[in-house]
Amino acid sequence: MNWSLALACLWIIAANVLAMIPSRDNHWRRAYVLIALGIPILGYVTFENGPWWGLALLAGGMSILRWPLIYVLRWLRGLRQG
């Protein structure tokens, strides 16, 4: 296993641990931090291992951070509908 996949595994473990800790803001601050850390890791994995691993990691990240993704899609749909 190379460093990029090891970092991705650590990111997934950190996301799961952070999700288990109670939060007053419904985990939004933690989600922002995970997104900020996850995007460079996603690029690093894609660069080192190819696009298929990058797509697999993107799908995993989207399943972990599904509520921010749902809100972004709702926001974009609202912009499109005017």
C-alpha atoms as a PDB file:
ATOM      1  CA  MET A   1       0.000   0.000   0.000  1.00  0.00           C
ATOM      2  CA  ASN A   2       1.388   3.383  -0.901  1.00  0.00           C
ATOM      3  CA  TRP A   3       1.174   6.604   1.121  1.00  0.00           C
ATOM      4  CA  SER A   4      -1.797   8.044  -0.717  1.00  0.00           C
ATOM      5  CA  LEU A   5      -4.013   5.054   0.051  1.00  0.00           C
ATOM      6  CA  ALA A   6      -2.767   5.021   3.649  1.00  0.00           C
ATOM      7  CA  LEU A   7      -3.760   8.682   4.002  1.00  0.00           C
ATOM      8  CA  ALA A   8      -7.158   7.900   2.487  1.00  0.00           C
ATOM      9  CA  CYS A   9      -7.673   5.095   5.008  1.00  0.00           C
ATOM     10  CA  LEU A  10      -6.701   7.433   7.862  1.00  0.00           C
ATOM     11  CA  TRP A  11      -9.168  10.020   6.509  1.00  0.00           C
ATOM     12  CA  ILE A  12     -11.958   7.425   6.519  1.00  0.00           C
ATOM     13  CA  ILE A  13     -11.116   6.325  10.068  1.00  0.00           C
ATOM     14  CA  ALA A  14     -10.991   9.958  11.236  1.00  0.00           C
ATOM     15  CA  ALA A  15     -14.357  10.664   9.593  1.00  0.00           C
ATOM     16  CA  ASN A  16     -15.954   7.732  11.371  1.00  0.00           C
ATOM     17  CA  VAL A  17     -14.448   8.649  14.741  1.00  0.00           C
ATOM     18  CA  LEU A  18     -15.563  12.281  14.350  1.00  0.00           C
ATOM     19  CA  ALA A  19     -19.075  11.125  13.480  1.00  0.00           C
ATOM     20  CA  MET A  20     -19.319   9.210  16.760  1.00  0.00           C
ATOM     21  CA  ILE A  21     -18.544  12.254  18.914  1.00  0.00           C
ATOM     22  CA  PRO A  22     -21.612  14.336  19.844  1.00  0.00           C
ATOM     23  CA  SER A  23     -21.860  17.798  18.332  1.00  0.00           C
ATOM     24  CA  ARG A  24     -24.051  20.864  18.841  1.00  0.00           C
ATOM     25  CA  ASP A  25     -23.895  22.006  15.202  1.00  0.00           C
ATOM     26  CA  ASN A  26     -24.800  18.603  13.691  1.00  0.00           C
ATOM     27  CA  HIS A  27     -21.174  17.968  12.676  1.00  0.00           C
ATOM     28  CA  TRP A  28     -21.025  20.749  10.061  1.00  0.00           C
ATOM     29  CA  ARG A  29     -17.668  22.159  11.225  1.00  0.00           C
ATOM     30  CA  ARG A  30     -16.180  18.702  11.152  1.00  0.00           C
ATOM     31  CA  ALA A  31     -17.607  18.139   7.683  1.00  0.00           C
ATOM     32  CA  TYR A  32     -15.919  21.327   6.436  1.00  0.00           C
ATOM     33  CA  VAL A  33     -12.583  20.156   7.848  1.00  0.00           C
ATOM     34  CA  LEU A  34     -13.011  16.707   6.312  1.00  0.00           C
ATOM     35  CA  ILE A  35     -13.832  18.246   2.931  1.00  0.00           C
ATOM     36  CA  ALA A  36     -10.807  20.552   3.132  1.00  0.00           C
ATOM     37  CA  LEU A  37      -8.540  17.600   3.942  1.00  0.00           C
ATOM     38  CA  GLY A  38     -10.245  15.140   1.616  1.00  0.00           C
ATOM     39  CA  ILE A  39      -9.915  17.086  -1.635  1.00  0.00           C
ATOM     40  CA  PRO A  40      -6.083  17.096  -1.653  1.00  0.00           C
ATOM     41  CA  ILE A  41      -6.022  13.448  -0.572  1.00  0.00           C
ATOM     42  CA  LEU A  42      -8.396  12.617  -3.426  1.00  0.00           C
ATOM     43  CA  GLY A  43      -6.089  14.364  -5.890  1.00  0.00           C
ATOM     44  CA  TYR A  44      -3.057  12.581  -4.453  1.00  0.00           C
ATOM     45  CA  VAL A  45      -4.736   9.173  -4.705  1.00  0.00           C
ATOM     46  CA  THR A  46      -5.843   9.876  -8.280  1.00  0.00           C
ATOM     47  CA  PHE A  47      -2.356  11.042  -9.233  1.00  0.00           C
ATOM     48  CA  GLU A  48      -0.554   8.050  -7.750  1.00  0.00           C
ATOM     49  CA  ASN A  49      -3.037   5.237  -8.407  1.00  0.00           C
ATOM     50  CA  GLY A  50      -5.090   6.311 -11.402  1.00  0.00           C
ATOM     51  CA  PRO A  51      -8.630   7.487 -12.029  1.00  0.00           C
ATOM     52  CA  TRP A  52     -10.394   4.287 -10.964  1.00  0.00           C
ATOM     53  CA  TRP A  53      -8.998   4.485  -7.447  1.00  0.00           C
ATOM     54  CA  GLY A  54      -9.807   8.191  -7.435  1.00  0.00           C
ATOM     55  CA  LEU A  55     -13.422   7.480  -8.401  1.00  0.00           C
ATOM     56  CA  ALA A  56     -13.654   4.772  -5.737  1.00  0.00           C
ATOM     57  CA  LEU A  57     -12.366   7.172  -3.094  1.00  0.00           C
ATOM     58  CA  LEU A  58     -14.727   9.895  -4.352  1.00  0.00           C
ATOM     59  CA  ALA A  59     -17.686   7.509  -4.024  1.00  0.00           C
ATOM     60  CA  GLY A  60     -16.587   6.582  -0.491  1.00  0.00           C
ATOM     61  CA  GLY A  61     -16.192  10.215   0.499  1.00  0.00           C
ATOM     62  CA  MET A  62     -19.586  11.066  -0.958  1.00  0.00           C
ATOM     63  CA  SER A  63     -21.191   8.281   1.060  1.00  0.00           C
ATOM     64  CA  ILE A  64     -19.548   9.523   4.258  1.00  0.00           C
ATOM     65  CA  LEU A  65     -20.337  13.209   3.625  1.00  0.00           C
ATOM     66  CA  ARG A  66     -23.751  12.662   2.056  1.00  0.00           C
ATOM     67  CA  TRP A  67     -25.607  15.485   3.809  1.00  0.00           C
ATOM     68  CA  PRO A  68     -23.291  18.262   2.615  1.00  0.00           C
ATOM     69  CA  LEU A  69     -23.639  16.755  -0.862  1.00  0.00           C
ATOM     70  CA  ILE A  70     -27.438  16.694  -0.602  1.00  0.00           C
ATOM     71  CA  TYR A  71     -27.521  20.352   0.478  1.00  0.00           C
ATOM     72  CA  VAL A  72     -25.203  21.401  -2.368  1.00  0.00           C
ATOM     73  CA  LEU A  73     -27.381  19.557  -4.892  1.00  0.00           C
ATOM     74  CA  ARG A  74     -30.527  21.210  -3.475  1.00  0.00           C
ATOM     75  CA  TRP A  75     -28.842  24.607  -3.647  1.00  0.00           C
ATOM     76  CA  LEU A  76     -27.785  24.050  -7.260  1.00  0.00           C
ATOM     77  CA  ARG A  77     -31.295  22.893  -8.174  1.00  0.00           C
ATOM     78  CA  GLY A  78     -32.711  26.051  -6.578  1.00  0.00           C
ATOM     79  CA  LEU A  79     -30.334  28.211  -8.615  1.00  0.00           C
ATOM     80  CA  ARG A  80     -31.302  26.419 -11.805  1.00  0.00           C
ATOM     81  CA  GLN A  81     -35.033  26.796 -11.164  1.00  0.00           C
ATOM     82  CA  GLY A  82     -34.577  30.442 -10.322  1.00  0.00           C
END
